[in-house]
Amino acid sequence: MVRKQRRKLAIQQKTLDRNPEQAHATLETRKKLRQDVLMRLYASGKLEYYHLDAAKEIERMWRALGRVMFPSSRGHLPREYNLGKRNLDPFDRMGLAEVRIWQNRYLPWSKEMGAALLACHRTTKLQLTLDIVLDNYGMRTLEHHYGMRHGTAPDYLRAALERYAEIANWIRCA
């Protein structure tokens, strides 16, 4: 009888884990959870909606690049199976829309941001933006890591995302 009750509780717990809105996290767990840095900046008024769109597109391009760089699994094929000539063009694994975004928006932006050193001379705007957008690093963490003045990271991020939006023609150049 006790086993059935334990099993029932375990099933209920797994259901709660899948539905976070139903789970009641403890105070310690809530403290450990990291809020999305971009959404926090948007809520505080430091970013606009087009900055979030630019960040989502940058993340989308990185995921597409990851698909291109790493081979898909072929473990289900027998060893004798002849794969034939492999396609070596990385853009064959990207969709047409992703290739256009990569060539017309992301590549020019990344070249420009990669060449722009920050005032601390320890990183570029590109690296700072990728640290925040992809890895969700906090502003103070990055400012400390790169030796930047307190409060400057959000300004650099805003400028980099704004430049992406300008290249994408979402906003007019200032």
Foldseek 3Di string as FASTA:
>chain_A
DVVVVVVVVVVVVVVCVVPVVNDDDDPVVVVPDDDQQVVVCVVVPLADPLLVVLLVLVVVLVVLVVPLPDDDDPVVDDPPDDPPDDDNDSCVSPDPVSVCCVVQFVVVLLVVQQVAADPLNQHTLNVLLCCCSPVVDHPVVVCVVSVHDPPCSSVSSRVSSVVSCCSVVVDPDD
